[in-house]
């Protein structure tokens, strides 16, 4: 009953639904998918994304401090991750990227079908996450 009232409230005010989009996957599957990306990224005709050190990019490491800071804002309903040119390679032709990330809040101006994004970023925007390699973690 409470969930139904909550859902009606969200629908009444035309607010975006809080979606749980991520799900836990099997570690073996995760390892296989990561290995597949790494193989494709390193192929001659692959994406060939690089770290600032010129190694093939496997991923990124985001520190807990920045995540805790973002999630301490009660209005944040998720984290927005965007690929961006690495600032030291902004004018370069090398494929060196970073992540820019921030907490996302519901957009009060959002109307379904309007083209207005359902989420906005009002607080800090973070970058300079550590690339892997050298800062990596292994699934065990």
N, C-alpha and C. Protein backbone atom coordinates (compact mmCIF):
# COMPACT_ATOMS: atom_id res chain seq x y z
N UNK A 1 0.82 -1.19 0.00
CA UNK A 1 0.00 0.00 0.00
C UNK A 1 0.87 1.26 0.00
N UNK A 2 1.87 1.29 0.89
CA UNK A 2 2.75 2.46 0.96
C UNK A 2 3.49 2.64 -0.36
N UNK A 3 3.97 1.54 -0.95
CA UNK A 3 4.67 1.63 -2.23
C UNK A 3 3.75 2.18 -3.31
N UNK A 4 2.49 1.76 -3.32
CA UNK A 4 1.53 2.25 -4.32
C UNK A 4 1.30 3.75 -4.16
N UNK A 5 1.18 4.22 -2.94
CA UNK A 5 0.99 5.65 -2.68
C UNK A 5 2.23 6.42 -3.13
N UNK A 6 3.40 5.88 -2.82
CA UNK A 6 4.66 6.50 -3.24
C UNK A 6 4.72 6.61 -4.76
N UNK A 7 4.36 5.52 -5.45
CA UNK A 7 4.38 5.51 -6.92
C UNK A 7 3.39 6.53 -7.47
N UNK A 8 2.21 6.61 -6.91
CA UNK A 8 1.22 7.60 -7.36
C UNK A 8 1.74 9.02 -7.17
N UNK A 9 2.40 9.26 -6.04
CA UNK A 9 2.98 10.58 -5.78
C UNK A 9 3.98 10.96 -6.86
N UNK A 10 4.88 10.03 -7.19
CA UNK A 10 5.88 10.29 -8.23
C UNK A 10 5.21 10.54 -9.57
N UNK A 11 4.20 9.71 -9.89
CA UNK A 11 3.50 9.89 -11.17
C UNK A 11 2.74 11.20 -11.20
N UNK A 12 2.11 11.56 -10.10
CA UNK A 12 1.32 12.78 -10.02
C UNK A 12 2.18 14.01 -10.29
N UNK A 13 3.35 14.05 -9.72
CA UNK A 13 4.23 15.20 -9.89
C UNK A 13 5.19 15.02 -11.07
N UNK A 14 4.99 13.96 -11.84
CA UNK A 14 5.75 13.72 -13.07
C UNK A 14 7.26 13.69 -12.82
N UNK A 15 7.66 13.15 -11.70
CA UNK A 15 9.07 13.04 -11.38
C UNK A 15 9.62 11.75 -11.97
N UNK A 16 10.91 11.75 -12.35
CA UNK A 16 11.47 10.51 -12.89
C UNK A 16 11.50 9.43 -11.82
N UNK A 17 11.24 8.24 -12.22
CA UNK A 17 11.29 7.11 -11.29
C UNK A 17 12.73 6.86 -10.87
N UNK A 18 12.92 6.45 -9.63
CA UNK A 18 14.23 6.04 -9.18
C UNK A 18 14.43 4.61 -9.67
N UNK A 19 15.31 4.47 -10.61
CA UNK A 19 15.54 3.16 -11.21
C UNK A 19 16.78 2.53 -10.63
N UNK A 20 16.69 1.27 -10.36
CA UNK A 20 17.88 0.51 -10.00
C UNK A 20 18.31 -0.17 -11.29
N UNK A 21 19.31 0.43 -11.93
CA UNK A 21 19.71 -0.02 -13.25
C UNK A 21 20.82 -1.05 -13.20
N UNK A 22 21.63 -1.01 -12.19
CA UNK A 22 22.76 -1.93 -12.09
C UNK A 22 22.31 -3.21 -11.41
N UNK A 23 23.02 -4.27 -11.71
CA UNK A 23 22.76 -5.53 -11.03
C UNK A 23 24.07 -6.27 -10.84
N UNK A 24 24.10 -7.10 -9.84
CA UNK A 24 25.28 -7.90 -9.56
C UNK A 24 25.37 -9.01 -10.60
N UNK A 25 26.58 -9.23 -11.13
CA UNK A 25 26.78 -10.33 -12.06
C UNK A 25 27.79 -11.31 -11.48
N UNK A 26 27.80 -12.49 -12.01
CA UNK A 26 28.73 -13.53 -11.61
C UNK A 26 30.17 -13.08 -11.87
N UNK A 27 31.07 -13.35 -10.94
CA UNK A 27 32.47 -12.93 -11.09
C UNK A 27 33.13 -13.55 -12.32
N UNK A 28 32.80 -14.79 -12.62
CA UNK A 28 33.38 -15.44 -13.80
C UNK A 28 32.95 -14.71 -15.07
N UNK A 29 31.67 -14.35 -15.14
CA UNK A 29 31.18 -13.58 -16.29
C UNK A 29 31.87 -12.22 -16.36
N UNK A 30 32.01 -11.56 -15.22
CA UNK A 30 32.68 -10.26 -15.19
C UNK A 30 34.10 -10.37 -15.72
N UNK A 31 34.84 -11.38 -15.27
CA UNK A 31 36.21 -11.57 -15.75
C UNK A 31 36.24 -11.81 -17.25
N UNK A 32 35.29 -12.59 -17.77
CA UNK A 32 35.24 -12.87 -19.20
C UNK A 32 34.95 -11.59 -20.00
N UNK A 33 34.00 -10.79 -19.54
CA UNK A 33 33.66 -9.55 -20.23
C UNK A 33 34.82 -8.56 -20.22
N UNK A 34 35.51 -8.46 -19.10
CA UNK A 34 36.67 -7.57 -18.99
C UNK A 34 37.77 -8.04 -19.92
N UNK A 35 38.05 -9.33 -19.94
CA UNK A 35 39.09 -9.87 -20.82
C UNK A 35 38.74 -9.62 -22.28
N UNK A 36 37.46 -9.75 -22.63
CA UNK A 36 37.03 -9.50 -24.00
C UNK A 36 37.27 -8.05 -24.41
N UNK A 37 36.94 -7.11 -23.51
CA UNK A 37 37.21 -5.70 -23.79
C UNK A 37 38.71 -5.46 -23.97
N UNK A 38 39.52 -5.99 -23.06
CA UNK A 38 40.97 -5.78 -23.12
C UNK A 38 41.55 -6.33 -24.42
N UNK A 39 41.06 -7.48 -24.84
CA UNK A 39 41.54 -8.05 -26.10
C UNK A 39 41.16 -7.15 -27.28
N UNK A 40 39.92 -6.70 -27.31
CA UNK A 40 39.47 -5.83 -28.40
C UNK A 40 40.20 -4.49 -28.37
N UNK A 41 40.40 -3.92 -27.19
CA UNK A 41 41.05 -2.62 -27.08
C UNK A 41 42.49 -2.66 -27.58
N UNK A 42 43.16 -3.79 -27.43
CA UNK A 42 44.57 -3.87 -27.80
C UNK A 42 44.78 -4.31 -29.25
N UNK A 43 43.72 -4.69 -29.96
CA UNK A 43 43.86 -5.10 -31.36
C UNK A 43 44.22 -3.91 -32.24
N UNK A 44 44.90 -4.18 -33.35
CA UNK A 44 45.32 -3.12 -34.27
C UNK A 44 44.13 -2.28 -34.72
N UNK A 45 43.01 -2.92 -35.02
CA UNK A 45 41.83 -2.16 -35.45
C UNK A 45 40.82 -1.99 -34.31
N UNK A 46 41.27 -2.20 -33.07
CA UNK A 46 40.40 -2.04 -31.91
C UNK A 46 40.28 -0.58 -31.52
N UNK A 47 39.63 -0.35 -30.40
CA UNK A 47 39.43 1.03 -29.93
C UNK A 47 40.74 1.69 -29.52
N UNK A 48 41.66 0.91 -29.01
CA UNK A 48 43.00 1.37 -28.64
C UNK A 48 42.98 2.61 -27.74
N UNK A 49 42.19 2.54 -26.67
CA UNK A 49 42.20 3.61 -25.68
C UNK A 49 43.45 3.45 -24.83
N UNK A 50 44.09 4.57 -24.50
CA UNK A 50 45.37 4.54 -23.81
C UNK A 50 45.33 5.25 -22.48
N UNK A 51 46.28 4.90 -21.61
CA UNK A 51 46.50 5.63 -20.37
C UNK A 51 47.45 6.79 -20.68
N UNK A 52 47.61 7.75 -19.77
CA UNK A 52 48.59 8.82 -20.01
C UNK A 52 50.01 8.30 -20.21
N UNK A 53 50.29 7.08 -19.69
CA UNK A 53 51.61 6.47 -19.86
C UNK A 53 51.74 5.71 -21.18
N UNK A 54 50.68 5.73 -22.01
CA UNK A 54 50.73 5.07 -23.30
C UNK A 54 50.41 3.58 -23.27
N UNK A 55 49.94 3.08 -22.15
CA UNK A 55 49.54 1.66 -22.05
C UNK A 55 48.06 1.55 -22.42
N UNK A 56 47.63 0.34 -22.79
CA UNK A 56 46.23 0.15 -23.11
C UNK A 56 45.38 0.34 -21.85
N UNK A 57 44.34 1.16 -21.97
CA UNK A 57 43.46 1.46 -20.84
C UNK A 57 42.56 0.28 -20.53
N UNK A 58 42.62 -0.19 -19.30
CA UNK A 58 41.76 -1.29 -18.86
C UNK A 58 40.57 -0.80 -18.06
N UNK A 59 40.67 0.35 -17.45
CA UNK A 59 39.59 0.86 -16.62
C UNK A 59 40.07 2.03 -15.78
N UNK A 60 39.32 2.31 -14.74
CA UNK A 60 39.65 3.43 -13.85
C UNK A 60 39.42 3.01 -12.41
N UNK A 61 40.06 3.73 -11.50
CA UNK A 61 39.85 3.53 -10.07
C UNK A 61 39.32 4.84 -9.51
N UNK A 62 38.17 4.77 -8.85
CA UNK A 62 37.58 5.96 -8.22
C UNK A 62 37.73 5.79 -6.71
N UNK A 63 38.33 6.76 -6.07
CA UNK A 63 38.59 6.66 -4.63
C UNK A 63 37.32 6.82 -3.80
N UNK A 64 37.34 6.23 -2.64
CA UNK A 64 36.19 6.26 -1.74
C UNK A 64 35.85 7.67 -1.27
N UNK A 65 36.86 8.49 -1.03
CA UNK A 65 36.62 9.85 -0.52
C UNK A 65 35.68 10.62 -1.46
N UNK A 66 35.96 10.58 -2.75
CA UNK A 66 35.11 11.34 -3.67
C UNK A 66 33.70 10.74 -3.72
N UNK A 67 33.58 9.41 -3.69
CA UNK A 67 32.25 8.79 -3.68
C UNK A 67 31.48 9.13 -2.41
N UNK A 68 32.16 9.05 -1.25
CA UNK A 68 31.51 9.40 0.01
C UNK A 68 31.05 10.85 -0.01
N UNK A 69 31.87 11.73 -0.55
CA UNK A 69 31.52 13.14 -0.62
C UNK A 69 30.26 13.35 -1.47
N UNK A 70 30.21 12.69 -2.60
CA UNK A 70 29.04 12.80 -3.48
C UNK A 70 27.80 12.24 -2.80
N UNK A 71 27.93 11.04 -2.24
CA UNK A 71 26.77 10.36 -1.67
C UNK A 71 26.33 10.93 -0.32
N UNK A 72 27.11 11.84 0.26
CA UNK A 72 26.69 12.47 1.50
C UNK A 72 25.57 13.48 1.26
N UNK A 73 25.37 13.89 0.01
CA UNK A 73 24.28 14.79 -0.35
C UNK A 73 23.01 13.95 -0.49
N UNK A 74 22.05 14.18 0.39
CA UNK A 74 20.82 13.37 0.40
C UNK A 74 20.00 13.53 -0.87
N UNK A 75 20.21 14.58 -1.64
CA UNK A 75 19.45 14.79 -2.87
C UNK A 75 20.00 13.99 -4.05
N UNK A 76 21.20 13.45 -3.90
CA UNK A 76 21.81 12.68 -4.98
C UNK A 76 21.14 11.32 -5.08
N UNK A 77 20.67 10.99 -6.31
CA UNK A 77 19.99 9.71 -6.53
C UNK A 77 20.85 8.75 -7.34
N UNK A 78 21.98 9.22 -7.84
CA UNK A 78 22.87 8.37 -8.62
C UNK A 78 24.14 9.13 -8.96
N UNK A 79 25.04 8.45 -9.62
CA UNK A 79 26.30 9.07 -10.04
C UNK A 79 26.35 9.06 -11.55
N UNK A 80 26.66 10.20 -12.11
CA UNK A 80 26.80 10.34 -13.55
C UNK A 80 28.28 10.22 -13.91
N UNK A 81 28.60 9.30 -14.83
CA UNK A 81 29.97 9.10 -15.30
C UNK A 81 30.02 9.50 -16.77
N UNK A 82 30.98 10.34 -17.12
CA UNK A 82 31.14 10.75 -18.51
C UNK A 82 32.59 10.58 -18.94
N UNK A 83 32.78 10.00 -20.11
CA UNK A 83 34.12 9.96 -20.68
C UNK A 83 34.48 11.37 -21.11
N UNK A 84 35.74 11.73 -20.92
CA UNK A 84 36.22 13.06 -21.31
C UNK A 84 37.67 12.95 -21.76
N UNK A 85 38.10 13.89 -22.57
CA UNK A 85 39.51 13.92 -22.94
C UNK A 85 40.32 14.18 -21.69
N UNK A 86 41.44 13.49 -21.55
CA UNK A 86 42.34 13.74 -20.43
C UNK A 86 42.88 15.16 -20.60
N UNK A 87 42.87 15.99 -19.55
CA UNK A 87 43.26 17.39 -19.71
C UNK A 87 44.68 17.60 -20.24
N UNK A 88 45.57 16.67 -19.95
CA UNK A 88 46.94 16.80 -20.46
C UNK A 88 47.05 16.43 -21.94
N UNK A 89 45.98 15.87 -22.51
CA UNK A 89 45.98 15.44 -23.90
C UNK A 89 44.80 16.07 -24.67
N UNK A 90 44.29 17.18 -24.16
CA UNK A 90 43.09 17.79 -24.74
C UNK A 90 43.28 18.21 -26.19
N UNK A 91 44.47 18.63 -26.56
CA UNK A 91 44.73 19.07 -27.93
C UNK A 91 45.46 18.02 -28.75
N UNK A 92 45.69 16.86 -28.18
CA UNK A 92 46.47 15.81 -28.81
C UNK A 92 45.56 14.88 -29.61
N UNK A 93 46.14 14.13 -30.53
CA UNK A 93 45.36 13.16 -31.30
C UNK A 93 45.36 11.79 -30.63
N UNK A 94 46.15 11.62 -29.57
CA UNK A 94 46.16 10.35 -28.85
C UNK A 94 44.79 10.11 -28.22
N UNK A 95 44.44 8.86 -28.09
CA UNK A 95 43.13 8.47 -27.52
C UNK A 95 43.28 8.26 -26.01
N UNK A 96 43.56 9.35 -25.30
CA UNK A 96 43.76 9.30 -23.85
C UNK A 96 42.57 10.01 -23.20
N UNK A 97 41.84 9.25 -22.40
CA UNK A 97 40.62 9.76 -21.81
C UNK A 97 40.64 9.62 -20.29
N UNK A 98 39.73 10.29 -19.66
CA UNK A 98 39.51 10.18 -18.22
C UNK A 98 38.02 10.08 -17.99
N UNK A 99 37.62 10.00 -16.75
CA UNK A 99 36.21 10.06 -16.39
C UNK A 99 35.95 11.35 -15.65
N UNK A 100 34.86 11.99 -15.95
CA UNK A 100 34.35 13.12 -15.19
C UNK A 100 33.08 12.61 -14.54
N UNK A 101 32.98 12.75 -13.23
CA UNK A 101 31.82 12.19 -12.56
C UNK A 101 31.28 13.13 -11.50
N UNK A 102 30.01 12.94 -11.18
CA UNK A 102 29.35 13.81 -10.22
C UNK A 102 28.07 13.16 -9.74
N UNK A 103 27.53 13.72 -8.68
CA UNK A 103 26.25 13.26 -8.18
C UNK A 103 25.13 13.86 -9.02
N UNK A 104 24.13 13.07 -9.30
CA UNK A 104 22.99 13.53 -10.09
C UNK A 104 21.75 13.60 -9.21
N UNK A 105 21.02 14.69 -9.38
CA UNK A 105 19.78 14.90 -8.63
C UNK A 105 18.61 14.93 -9.62
N UNK A 106 17.41 14.70 -9.11
CA UNK A 106 16.24 14.81 -9.96
C UNK A 106 16.13 16.24 -10.49
N UNK A 107 15.78 16.37 -11.74
CA UNK A 107 15.58 17.67 -12.36
C UNK A 107 14.13 18.09 -12.13
N UNK A 108 13.89 19.17 -11.36
CA UNK A 108 12.51 19.58 -11.08
C UNK A 108 11.76 20.04 -12.33
N UNK A 109 12.48 20.40 -13.39
CA UNK A 109 11.84 20.84 -14.63
C UNK A 109 11.55 19.71 -15.60
N UNK A 110 11.92 18.49 -15.20
CA UNK A 110 11.73 17.34 -16.09
C UNK A 110 10.25 17.06 -16.31
N UNK A 111 9.90 16.89 -17.56
CA UNK A 111 8.57 16.44 -17.96
C UNK A 111 8.76 15.32 -18.95
N UNK A 112 8.10 14.22 -18.72
CA UNK A 112 8.23 13.06 -19.59
C UNK A 112 7.95 13.44 -21.04
N UNK A 113 8.88 13.07 -21.94
CA UNK A 113 8.72 13.34 -23.36
C UNK A 113 9.12 14.74 -23.79
N UNK A 114 9.62 15.56 -22.85
CA UNK A 114 9.95 16.95 -23.18
C UNK A 114 11.34 17.11 -23.77
N UNK A 115 12.18 16.10 -23.64
CA UNK A 115 13.56 16.23 -24.09
C UNK A 115 14.48 16.81 -23.02
N UNK A 116 13.90 17.27 -21.93
CA UNK A 116 14.69 17.79 -20.81
C UNK A 116 15.24 16.60 -20.04
N UNK A 117 16.54 16.63 -19.69
CA UNK A 117 17.11 15.48 -18.96
C UNK A 117 16.44 15.29 -17.60
N UNK A 118 16.25 14.05 -17.18
CA UNK A 118 15.60 13.79 -15.91
C UNK A 118 16.48 14.10 -14.69
N UNK A 119 17.78 14.26 -14.91
CA UNK A 119 18.70 14.51 -13.79
C UNK A 119 19.56 15.73 -14.09
N UNK A 120 19.97 16.40 -13.02
CA UNK A 120 20.86 17.56 -13.14
C UNK A 120 22.02 17.41 -12.17
N UNK A 121 23.07 18.15 -12.44
CA UNK A 121 24.25 18.14 -11.59
C UNK A 121 24.40 19.54 -11.01
N UNK A 122 24.26 19.64 -9.69
CA UNK A 122 24.32 20.94 -9.03
C UNK A 122 25.55 21.10 -8.15
N UNK A 123 26.19 20.01 -7.81
CA UNK A 123 27.30 20.06 -6.86
C UNK A 123 28.62 19.92 -7.61
N UNK A 124 29.67 19.55 -6.93
CA UNK A 124 31.00 19.42 -7.51
C UNK A 124 31.04 18.42 -8.66
N UNK A 125 31.95 18.66 -9.58
CA UNK A 125 32.25 17.73 -10.66
C UNK A 125 33.68 17.26 -10.44
N UNK A 126 33.90 15.97 -10.50
CA UNK A 126 35.20 15.37 -10.19
C UNK A 126 35.84 14.83 -11.46
N UNK A 127 37.17 14.85 -11.48
CA UNK A 127 37.92 14.20 -12.56
C UNK A 127 39.24 13.70 -12.00
N UNK A 128 40.12 13.36 -12.90
CA UNK A 128 41.44 12.84 -12.56
C UNK A 128 41.36 11.55 -11.77
N UNK A 129 40.46 10.67 -12.20
CA UNK A 129 40.45 9.33 -11.63
C UNK A 129 41.71 8.61 -12.10
N UNK A 130 42.13 7.66 -11.33
CA UNK A 130 43.36 6.94 -11.68
C UNK A 130 43.08 5.89 -12.74
N UNK A 131 43.89 5.88 -13.81
CA UNK A 131 43.69 4.87 -14.84
C UNK A 131 44.29 3.53 -14.42
N UNK A 132 43.77 2.48 -15.02
CA UNK A 132 44.32 1.13 -14.85
C UNK A 132 44.84 0.68 -16.22
N UNK A 133 46.11 0.38 -16.34
CA UNK A 133 47.15 0.48 -15.35
C UNK A 133 47.58 1.94 -15.12
N UNK A 134 48.20 2.25 -14.03
CA UNK A 134 48.82 1.39 -13.04
C UNK A 134 47.92 1.06 -11.84
N UNK A 135 46.84 1.82 -11.61
CA UNK A 135 46.02 1.59 -10.42
C UNK A 135 44.88 0.65 -10.79
N UNK A 136 45.08 -0.64 -10.53
CA UNK A 136 44.10 -1.67 -10.93
C UNK A 136 43.65 -2.47 -9.71
N UNK A 137 42.57 -3.17 -9.90
CA UNK A 137 42.08 -4.12 -8.88
C UNK A 137 41.70 -5.39 -9.62
N UNK A 138 41.99 -6.53 -9.03
CA UNK A 138 41.64 -7.81 -9.62
C UNK A 138 40.44 -8.41 -8.93
N UNK A 139 39.56 -9.01 -9.70
CA UNK A 139 38.42 -9.73 -9.14
C UNK A 139 38.93 -11.09 -8.66
N UNK A 140 38.69 -11.38 -7.37
CA UNK A 140 39.14 -12.68 -6.84
C UNK A 140 37.96 -13.49 -6.35
